[in-house]
PDB file of N, CA and C in Angstrom:
ATOM      1  N   MET A   1      10.419  58.444 138.962  1.00  0.00           N
ATOM      2  CA  MET A   1      11.649  59.001 138.411  1.00  0.00           C
ATOM      3  C   MET A   1      11.632  60.523 138.595  1.00  0.00           C
ATOM      4  N   PRO A   2      12.656  61.091 139.236  1.00  0.00           N
ATOM      5  CA  PRO A   2      12.697  62.543 139.427  1.00  0.00           C
ATOM      6  C   PRO A   2      12.824  63.291 138.094  1.00  0.00           C
ATOM      7  N   THR A   3      12.361  64.531 138.095  1.00  0.00           N
ATOM      8  CA  THR A   3      12.462  65.390 136.913  1.00  0.00           C
ATOM      9  C   THR A   3      13.105  66.713 137.319  1.00  0.00           C
ATOM     10  N   ILE A   4      13.238  67.585 136.362  1.00  0.00           N
ATOM     11  CA  ILE A   4      13.784  68.916 136.606  1.00  0.00           C
ATOM     12  C   ILE A   4      13.005  69.639 137.700  1.00  0.00           C
ATOM     13  N   LYS A   5      11.710  69.392 137.781  1.00  0.00           N
ATOM     14  CA  LYS A   5      10.877  70.050 138.793  1.00  0.00           C
ATOM     15  C   LYS A   5      11.288  69.675 140.217  1.00  0.00           C
ATOM     16  N   ASP A   6      12.045  68.577 140.379  1.00  0.00           N
ATOM     17  CA  ASP A   6      12.481  68.132 141.703  1.00  0.00           C
ATOM     18  C   ASP A   6      13.808  68.770 142.137  1.00  0.00           C
ATOM     19  N   ILE A   7      14.447  69.532 141.252  1.00  0.00           N
ATOM     20  CA  ILE A   7      15.664  70.259 141.620  1.00  0.00           C
ATOM     21  C   ILE A   7      15.247  71.476 142.438  1.00  0.00           C
ATOM     22  N   THR A   8      15.935  71.712 143.549  1.00  0.00           N
ATOM     23  CA  THR A   8      15.652  72.905 144.345  1.00  0.00           C
ATOM     24  C   THR A   8      16.822  73.878 144.218  1.00  0.00           C
ATOM     25  N   ILE A   9      16.492  75.146 144.140  1.00  0.00           N
ATOM     26  CA  ILE A   9      17.486  76.211 144.033  1.00  0.00           C
ATOM     27  C   ILE A   9      17.072  77.316 144.999  1.00  0.00           C
ATOM     28  N   HIS A  10      18.006  77.744 145.839  1.00  0.00           N
ATOM     29  CA  HIS A  10      17.709  78.857 146.731  1.00  0.00           C
ATOM     30  C   HIS A  10      18.996  79.609 147.085  1.00  0.00           C
ATOM     31  N   GLN A  11      18.821  80.763 147.679  1.00  0.00           N
ATOM     32  CA  GLN A  11      19.959  81.524 148.183  1.00  0.00           C
ATOM     33  C   GLN A  11      20.312  80.957 149.554  1.00  0.00           C
ATOM     34  N   PRO A  12      21.572  80.534 149.730  1.00  0.00           N
ATOM     35  CA  PRO A  12      21.952  79.869 150.972  1.00  0.00           C
ATOM     36  C   PRO A  12      22.038  80.829 152.156  1.00  0.00           C
ATOM     37  N   SER A  13      21.817  80.264 153.329  1.00  0.00           N
ATOM     38  CA  SER A  13      22.007  81.020 154.564  1.00  0.00           C
ATOM     39  C   SER A  13      23.514  81.112 154.837  1.00  0.00           C
ATOM     40  N   ASP A  14      23.879  81.995 155.754  1.00  0.00           N
ATOM     41  CA  ASP A  14      25.294  82.107 156.134  1.00  0.00           C
ATOM     42  C   ASP A  14      25.811  80.775 156.672  1.00  0.00           C
ATOM     43  N   GLU A  15      24.964  80.055 157.395  1.00  0.00           N
ATOM     44  CA  GLU A  15      25.350  78.748 157.948  1.00  0.00           C
ATOM     45  C   GLU A  15      25.610  77.737 156.824  1.00  0.00           C
ATOM     46  N   GLU A  16      24.739  77.714 155.827  1.00  0.00           N
ATOM     47  CA  GLU A  16      24.936  76.802 154.689  1.00  0.00           C
ATOM     48  C   GLU A  16      26.231  77.121 153.948  1.00  0.00           C
ATOM     49  N   ILE A  17      26.512  78.404 153.750  1.00  0.00           N
ATOM     50  CA  ILE A  17      27.749  78.804 153.071  1.00  0.00           C
ATOM     51  C   ILE A  17      28.957  78.327 153.855  1.00  0.00           C
ATOM     52  N   GLN A  18      28.911  78.469 155.165  1.00  0.00           N
ATOM     53  CA  GLN A  18      30.015  78.035 156.027  1.00  0.00           C
ATOM     54  C   GLN A  18      30.269  76.531 155.868  1.00  0.00           C
ATOM     55  N   VAL A  19      29.208  75.732 155.864  1.00  0.00           N
ATOM     56  CA  VAL A  19      29.333  74.278 155.707  1.00  0.00           C
ATOM     57  C   VAL A  19      29.907  73.942 154.330  1.00  0.00           C
ATOM     58  N   CYS A  20      29.420  74.609 153.298  1.00  0.00           N
ATOM     59  CA  CYS A  20      29.862  74.330 151.924  1.00  0.00           C
ATOM     60  C   CYS A  20      31.353  74.570 151.734  1.00  0.00           C
ATOM     61  N   GLN A  21      31.912  75.506 152.454  1.00  0.00           N
ATOM     62  CA  GLN A  21      33.324  75.842 152.284  1.00  0.00           C
ATOM     63  C   GLN A  21      34.250  74.680 152.630  1.00  0.00           C
ATOM     64  N   ASN A  22      33.730  73.685 153.334  1.00  0.00           N
ATOM     65  CA  ASN A  22      34.521  72.490 153.662  1.00  0.00           C
ATOM     66  C   ASN A  22      34.368  71.389 152.620  1.00  0.00           C
ATOM     67  N   TRP A  23      33.485  71.586 151.645  1.00  0.00           N
ATOM     68  CA  TRP A  23      33.250  70.580 150.605  1.00  0.00           C
ATOM     69  C   TRP A  23      34.287  70.708 149.497  1.00  0.00           C
ATOM     70  N   PRO A  24      34.489  69.634 148.726  1.00  0.00           N
ATOM     71  CA  PRO A  24      35.402  69.710 147.575  1.00  0.00           C
ATOM     72  C   PRO A  24      34.892  70.697 146.529  1.00  0.00           C
ATOM     73  N   ILE A  25      35.802  71.085 145.635  1.00  0.00           N
ATOM     74  CA  ILE A  25      35.455  71.986 144.530  1.00  0.00           C
ATOM     75  C   ILE A  25      35.541  71.217 143.222  1.00  0.00           C
ATOM     76  N   TRP A  26      34.565  71.464 142.349  1.00  0.00           N
ATOM     77  CA  TRP A  26      34.548  70.895 140.994  1.00  0.00           C
ATOM     78  C   TRP A  26      34.500  72.046 140.023  1.00  0.00           C
ATOM     79  N   GLU A  27      35.281  71.953 138.942  1.00  0.00           N
ATOM     80  CA  GLU A  27      35.297  72.973 137.906  1.00  0.00           C
ATOM     81  C   GLU A  27      35.140  72.323 136.540  1.00  0.00           C
ATOM     82  N   CYS A  28      34.485  73.042 135.627  1.00  0.00           N
ATOM     83  CA  CYS A  28      34.308  72.534 134.268  1.00  0.00           C
ATOM     84  C   CYS A  28      34.135  73.714 133.322  1.00  0.00           C
ATOM     85  N   GLY A  29      34.731  73.602 132.145  1.00  0.00           N
ATOM     86  CA  GLY A  29      34.602  74.641 131.134  1.00  0.00           C
ATOM     87  C   GLY A  29      33.285  74.541 130.390  1.00  0.00           C
ATOM     88  N   VAL A  30      33.105  75.425 129.446  1.00  0.00           N
ATOM     89  CA  VAL A  30      31.902  75.445 128.613  1.00  0.00           C
ATOM     90  C   VAL A  30      31.777  74.084 127.923  1.00  0.00           C
ATOM     91  N   SER A  31      30.639  73.428 128.117  1.00  0.00           N
ATOM     92  CA  SER A  31      30.439  72.085 127.566  1.00  0.00           C
ATOM     93  C   SER A  31      28.984  71.676 127.726  1.00  0.00           C
ATOM     94  N   GLU A  32      28.671  70.502 127.177  1.00  0.00           N
ATOM     95  CA  GLU A  32      27.335  69.916 127.314  1.00  0.00           C
ATOM     96  C   GLU A  32      27.506  68.411 127.443  1.00  0.00           C
ATOM     97  N   PHE A  33      26.819  67.812 128.434  1.00  0.00           N
ATOM     98  CA  PHE A  33      26.963  66.377 128.649  1.00  0.00           C
ATOM     99  C   PHE A  33      25.741  65.807 129.366  1.00  0.00           C
ATOM    100  N   ASP A  34      25.503  64.522 129.146  1.00  0.00           N
ATOM    101  CA  ASP A  34      24.450  63.781 129.852  1.00  0.00           C
ATOM    102  C   ASP A  34      24.964  63.420 131.237  1.00  0.00           C
ATOM    103  N   TRP A  35      24.038  63.404 132.214  1.00  0.00           N
ATOM    104  CA  TRP A  35      24.431  63.034 133.574  1.00  0.00           C
ATOM    105  C   TRP A  35      23.286  62.303 134.245  1.00  0.00           C
ATOM    106  N   GLU A  36      23.623  61.285 135.039  1.00  0.00           N
ATOM    107  CA  GLU A  36      22.631  60.576 135.852  1.00  0.00           C
ATOM    108  C   GLU A  36      23.125  60.555 137.286  1.00  0.00           C
ATOM    109  N   TYR A  37      22.303  61.062 138.200  1.00  0.00           N
ATOM    110  CA  TYR A  37      22.666  61.110 139.612  1.00  0.00           C
ATOM    111  C   TYR A  37      22.389  59.764 140.271  1.00  0.00           C
ATOM    112  N   THR A  38      23.406  59.225 140.935  1.00  0.00           N
ATOM    113  CA  THR A  38      23.254  57.973 141.669  1.00  0.00           C
ATOM    114  C   THR A  38      23.181  58.236 143.172  1.00  0.00           C
ATOM    115  N   GLN A  39      23.266  59.501 143.539  1.00  0.00           N
ATOM    116  CA  GLN A  39      23.114  59.973 144.910  1.00  0.00           C
ATOM    117  C   GLN A  39      22.526  61.381 144.842  1.00  0.00           C
ATOM    118  N   THR A  40      22.017  61.853 145.966  1.00  0.00           N
ATOM    119  CA  THR A  40      21.587  63.242 146.046  1.00  0.00           C
ATOM    120  C   THR A  40      22.834  64.115 146.095  1.00  0.00           C
ATOM    121  N   GLU A  41      22.840  65.190 145.315  1.00  0.00           N
ATOM    122  CA  GLU A  41      23.963  66.128 145.350  1.00  0.00           C
ATOM    123  C   GLU A  41      23.464  67.501 145.776  1.00  0.00           C
ATOM    124  N   LYS A  42      24.209  68.120 146.676  1.00  0.00           N
ATOM    125  CA  LYS A  42      23.984  69.508 147.049  1.00  0.00           C
ATOM    126  C   LYS A  42      25.224  70.271 146.631  1.00  0.00           C
ATOM    127  N   CYS A  43      25.019  71.479 146.078  1.00  0.00           N
ATOM    128  CA  CYS A  43      26.181  72.250 145.667  1.00  0.00           C
ATOM    129  C   CYS A  43      25.917  73.746 145.795  1.00  0.00           C
ATOM    130  N   LEU A  44      27.007  74.484 145.958  1.00  0.00           N
ATOM    131  CA  LEU A  44      26.982  75.937 146.001  1.00  0.00           C
ATOM    132  C   LEU A  44      27.760  76.427 144.793  1.00  0.00           C
ATOM    133  N   ILE A  45      27.094  77.149 143.904  1.00  0.00           N
ATOM    134  CA  ILE A  45      27.723  77.638 142.683  1.00  0.00           C
ATOM    135  C   ILE A  45      28.542  78.888 143.019  1.00  0.00           C
ATOM    136  N   LEU A  46      29.838  78.821 142.731  1.00  0.00           N
ATOM    137  CA  LEU A  46      30.726  79.948 142.992  1.00  0.00           C
ATOM    138  C   LEU A  46      30.857  80.848 141.765  1.00  0.00           C
ATOM    139  N   ASN A  47      30.979  80.236 140.588  1.00  0.00           N
ATOM    140  CA  ASN A  47      31.124  80.958 139.324  1.00  0.00           C
ATOM    141  C   ASN A  47      30.436  80.173 138.223  1.00  0.00           C
ATOM    142  N   GLY A  48      30.069  80.870 137.158  1.00  0.00           N
ATOM    143  CA  GLY A  48      29.560  80.202 135.967  1.00  0.00           C
ATOM    144  C   GLY A  48      28.054  80.232 135.821  1.00  0.00           C
ATOM    145  N   ARG A  49      27.619  79.703 134.690  1.00  0.00           N
ATOM    146  CA  ARG A  49      26.197  79.599 134.370  1.00  0.00           C
ATOM    147  C   ARG A  49      25.914  78.219 133.806  1.00  0.00           C
ATOM    148  N   VAL A  50      24.824  77.615 134.292  1.00  0.00           N
ATOM    149  CA  VAL A  50      24.453  76.259 133.881  1.00  0.00           C
ATOM    150  C   VAL A  50      22.951  76.209 133.624  1.00  0.00           C
ATOM    151  N   THR A  51      22.569  75.480 132.581  1.00  0.00           N
ATOM    152  CA  THR A  51      21.170  75.145 132.342  1.00  0.00           C
ATOM    153  C   THR A  51      21.086  73.630 132.303  1.00  0.00           C
ATOM    154  N   VAL A  52      20.170  73.072 133.089  1.00  0.00           N
ATOM    155  CA  VAL A  52      19.976  71.625 133.157  1.00  0.00           C
ATOM    156  C   VAL A  52      18.601  71.299 132.591  1.00  0.00           C
ATOM    157  N   THR A  53      18.566  70.321 131.690  1.00  0.00           N
ATOM    158  CA  THR A  53      17.340  69.888 131.027  1.00  0.00           C
ATOM    159  C   THR A  53      17.136  68.409 131.303  1.00  0.00           C
ATOM    160  N   ASP A  54      15.886  67.983 131.554  1.00  0.00           N
ATOM    161  CA  ASP A  54      15.662  66.554 131.808  1.00  0.00           C
ATOM    162  C   ASP A  54      15.298  65.788 130.545  1.00  0.00           C
ATOM    163  N   ASP A  55      14.732  66.461 129.570  1.00  0.00           N
ATOM    164  CA  ASP A  55      14.357  65.791 128.332  1.00  0.00           C
ATOM    165  C   ASP A  55      14.211  66.863 127.266  1.00  0.00           C
ATOM    166  N   PRO A  56      15.064  66.837 126.247  1.00  0.00           N
ATOM    167  CA  PRO A  56      15.008  67.899 125.241  1.00  0.00           C
ATOM    168  C   PRO A  56      13.632  68.062 124.590  1.00  0.00           C
ATOM    169  N   GLU A  57      12.852  67.003 124.535  1.00  0.00           N
ATOM    170  CA  GLU A  57      11.544  67.084 123.890  1.00  0.00           C
ATOM    171  C   GLU A  57      10.519  67.857 124.713  1.00  0.00           C
ATOM    172  N   THR A  58      10.681  67.896 126.036  1.00  0.00           N
ATOM    173  CA  THR A  58       9.715  68.610 126.870  1.00  0.00           C
ATOM    174  C   THR A  58      10.011  70.096 126.947  1.00  0.00           C
ATOM    175  N   GLY A  59      11.256  70.465 126.724  1.00  0.00           N
ATOM    176  CA  GLY A  59      11.638  71.863 126.819  1.00  0.00           C
ATOM    177  C   GLY A  59      11.744  72.367 128.241  1.00  0.00           C
ATOM    178  N   GLN A  60      11.625  71.477 129.242  1.00  0.00           N
ATOM    179  CA  GLN A  60      11.722  71.885 130.635  1.00  0.00           C
ATOM    180  C   GLN A  60      13.189  71.960 131.039  1.00  0.00           C
ATOM    181  N   SER A  61      13.541  73.095 131.660  1.00  0.00           N
ATOM    182  CA  SER A  61      14.914  73.268 132.112  1.00  0.00           C
ATOM    183  C   SER A  61      14.939  74.221 133.298  1.00  0.00           C
ATOM    184  N   VAL A  62      16.056  74.221 134.004  1.00  0.00           N
ATOM    185  CA  VAL A  62      16.321  75.184 135.069  1.00  0.00           C
ATOM    186  C   VAL A  62      17.720  75.723 134.852  1.00  0.00           C
ATOM    187  N   SER A  63      17.908  76.977 135.226  1.00  0.00           N
ATOM    188  CA  SER A  63      19.215  77.614 135.109  1.00  0.00           C
ATOM    189  C   SER A  63      19.628  78.152 136.462  1.00  0.00           C
ATOM    190  N   PHE A  64      20.934  78.188 136.687  1.00  0.00           N
ATOM    191  CA  PHE A  64      21.447  78.709 137.943  1.00  0.00           C
ATOM    192  C   PHE A  64      22.846  79.256 137.731  1.00  0.00           C
ATOM    193  N   GLY A  65      23.293  80.046 138.717  1.00  0.00           N
ATOM    194  CA  GLY A  65      24.595  80.683 138.604  1.00  0.00           C
ATOM    195  C   GLY A  65      25.165  81.044 139.960  1.00  0.00           C
ATOM    196  N   PRO A  66      26.120  81.977 139.985  1.00  0.00           N
ATOM    197  CA  PRO A  66      26.835  82.313 141.216  1.00  0.00           C
ATOM    198  C   PRO A  66      25.909  82.641 142.380  1.00  0.00           C
ATOM    199  N   GLY A  67      26.225  82.033 143.529  1.00  0.00           N
ATOM    200  CA  GLY A  67      25.458  82.278 144.744  1.00  0.00           C
ATOM    201  C   GLY A  67      24.294  81.343 144.953  1.00  0.00           C
ATOM    202  N   ASP A  68      23.938  80.536 143.957  1.00  0.00           N
ATOM    203  CA  ASP A  68      22.809  79.616 144.099  1.00  0.00           C
ATOM    204  C   ASP A  68      23.233  78.331 144.818  1.00  0.00           C
ATOM    205  N   PHE A  69      22.366  77.875 145.715  1.00  0.00           N
ATOM    206  CA  PHE A  69      22.521  76.585 146.381  1.00  0.00           C
ATOM    207  C   PHE A  69      21.535  75.642 145.693  1.00  0.00           C
ATOM    208  N   VAL A  70      22.063  74.563 145.094  1.00  0.00           N
ATOM    209  CA  VAL A  70      21.251  73.683 144.256  1.00  0.00           C
ATOM    210  C   VAL A  70      21.278  72.271 144.819  1.00  0.00           C
ATOM    211  N   CYS A  71      20.117  71.610 144.821  1.00  0.00           N
ATOM    212  CA  CYS A  71      20.017  70.223 145.270  1.00  0.00           C
ATOM    213  C   CYS A  71      19.419  69.386 144.143  1.00  0.00           C
ATOM    214  N   PHE A  72      20.189  68.374 143.724  1.00  0.00           N
ATOM    215  CA  PHE A  72      19.765  67.458 142.663  1.00  0.00           C
ATOM    216  C   PHE A  72      19.346  66.131 143.292  1.00  0.00           C
ATOM    217  N   PRO A  73      18.164  65.622 142.959  1.00  0.00           N
ATOM    218  CA  PRO A  73      17.692  64.373 143.564  1.00  0.00           C
ATOM    219  C   PRO A  73      18.384  63.143 142.988  1.00  0.00           C
ATOM    220  N   ASN A  74      18.490  62.126 143.822  1.00  0.00           N
ATOM    221  CA  ASN A  74      18.993  60.821 143.394  1.00  0.00           C
ATOM    222  C   ASN A  74      18.136  60.302 142.236  1.00  0.00           C
ATOM    223  N   SER A  75      18.778  59.669 141.267  1.00  0.00           N
ATOM    224  CA  SER A  75      18.134  59.035 140.102  1.00  0.00           C
ATOM    225  C   SER A  75      17.715  60.011 139.008  1.00  0.00           C
ATOM    226  N   LEU A  76      18.028  61.298 139.144  1.00  0.00           N
ATOM    227  CA  LEU A  76      17.703  62.255 138.087  1.00  0.00           C
ATOM    228  C   LEU A  76      18.600  62.010 136.879  1.00  0.00           C
ATOM    229  N   LYS A  77      17.990  61.905 135.705  1.00  0.00           N
ATOM    230  CA  LYS A  77      18.727  61.838 134.442  1.00  0.00           C
ATOM    231  C   LYS A  77      18.542  63.185 133.770  1.00  0.00           C
ATOM    232  N   CYS A  78      19.660  63.809 133.355  1.00  0.00           N
ATOM    233  CA  CYS A  78      19.551  65.156 132.816  1.00  0.00           C
ATOM    234  C   CYS A  78      20.695  65.452 131.847  1.00  0.00           C
ATOM    235  N   ILE A  79      20.600  66.623 131.245  1.00  0.00           N
ATOM    236  CA  ILE A  79      21.644  67.127 130.365  1.00  0.00           C
ATOM    237  C   ILE A  79      22.133  68.440 130.960  1.00  0.00           C
ATOM    238  N   TRP A  80      23.429  68.513 131.222  1.00  0.00           N
ATOM    239  CA  TRP A  80      24.057  69.736 131.709  1.00  0.00           C
ATOM    240  C   TRP A  80      24.560  70.529 130.520  1.00  0.00           C
ATOM    241  N   LYS A  81      24.213  71.820 130.466  1.00  0.00           N
ATOM    242  CA  LYS A  81      24.771  72.721 129.458  1.00  0.00           C
ATOM    243  C   LYS A  81      25.428  73.870 130.213  1.00  0.00           C
ATOM    244  N   ILE A  82      26.749  73.878 130.193  1.00  0.00           N
ATOM    245  CA  ILE A  82      27.521  74.906 130.884  1.00  0.00           C
ATOM    246  C   ILE A  82      27.832  76.001 129.865  1.00  0.00           C
ATOM    247  N   THR A  83      27.276  77.194 130.092  1.00  0.00           N
ATOM    248  CA  THR A  83      27.450  78.291 129.147  1.00  0.00           C
ATOM    249  C   THR A  83      28.549  79.265 129.571  1.00  0.00           C
ATOM    250  N   GLU A  84      28.922  79.251 130.849  1.00  0.00           N
ATOM    251  CA  GLU A  84      30.063  79.994 131.369  1.00  0.00           C
ATOM    252  C   GLU A  84      30.793  79.049 132.301  1.00  0.00           C
ATOM    253  N   PRO A  85      32.129  78.968 132.233  1.00  0.00           N
ATOM    254  CA  PRO A  85      32.863  78.003 133.072  1.00  0.00           C
ATOM    255  C   PRO A  85      32.373  78.011 134.515  1.00  0.00           C
ATOM    256  N   VAL A  86      32.129  76.813 135.033  1.00  0.00           N
ATOM    257  CA  VAL A  86      31.520  76.679 136.354  1.00  0.00           C
ATOM    258  C   VAL A  86      32.546  76.204 137.388  1.00  0.00           C
ATOM    259  N   LYS A  87      32.360  76.723 138.598  1.00  0.00           N
ATOM    260  CA  LYS A  87      33.138  76.305 139.761  1.00  0.00           C
ATOM    261  C   LYS A  87      32.146  76.188 140.903  1.00  0.00           C
ATOM    262  N   LYS A  88      32.162  75.038 141.582  1.00  0.00           N
ATOM    263  CA  LYS A  88      31.175  74.833 142.648  1.00  0.00           C
ATOM    264  C   LYS A  88      31.768  74.001 143.773  1.00  0.00           C
ATOM    265  N   HIS A  89      31.261  74.235 144.981  1.00  0.00           N
ATOM    266  CA  HIS A  89      31.462  73.304 146.099  1.00  0.00           C
ATOM    267  C   HIS A  89      30.364  72.270 145.969  1.00  0.00           C
ATOM    268  N   TYR A  90      30.661  70.997 146.250  1.00  0.00           N
ATOM    269  CA  TYR A  90      29.641  69.951 146.107  1.00  0.00           C
ATOM    270  C   TYR A  90      29.767  68.907 147.206  1.00  0.00           C
ATOM    271  N   ASN A  91      28.647  68.219 147.447  1.00  0.00           N
ATOM    272  CA  ASN A  91      28.603  67.150 148.434  1.00  0.00           C
ATOM    273  C   ASN A  91      27.554  66.119 148.005  1.00  0.00           C
ATOM    274  N   PHE A  92      27.940  64.856 148.003  1.00  0.00           N
ATOM    275  CA  PHE A  92      27.009  63.772 147.705  1.00  0.00           C
ATOM    276  C   PHE A  92      26.550  63.120 149.005  1.00  0.00           C
ATOM    277  N   GLU A  93      25.263  62.802 149.086  1.00  0.00           N
ATOM    278  CA  GLU A  93      24.717  62.145 150.280  1.00  0.00           C
ATOM    279  C   GLU A  93      24.435  60.701 149.990  1.00  0.00           C
TER     280      GLU A  93
END
């Protein structure tokens, strides 16, 4: 079972940014919700701040924001906490 440690975050190359611009956009206001990935998701964060936690008892989390390219593994169960309204390009594989 994947965990927060399996999420990758990096600054995208110009080529990656170009590809992302053809992906759909998802937006969400300040909120908190459970999420389970049924596919691998890659996304480019345009605006906002998010902290993702895999299990509140472990205290393990990752945070990301504008300009970050994030990859979430298939089968990851997590909690999304959006602290600033988020806007992202996304793609499911």
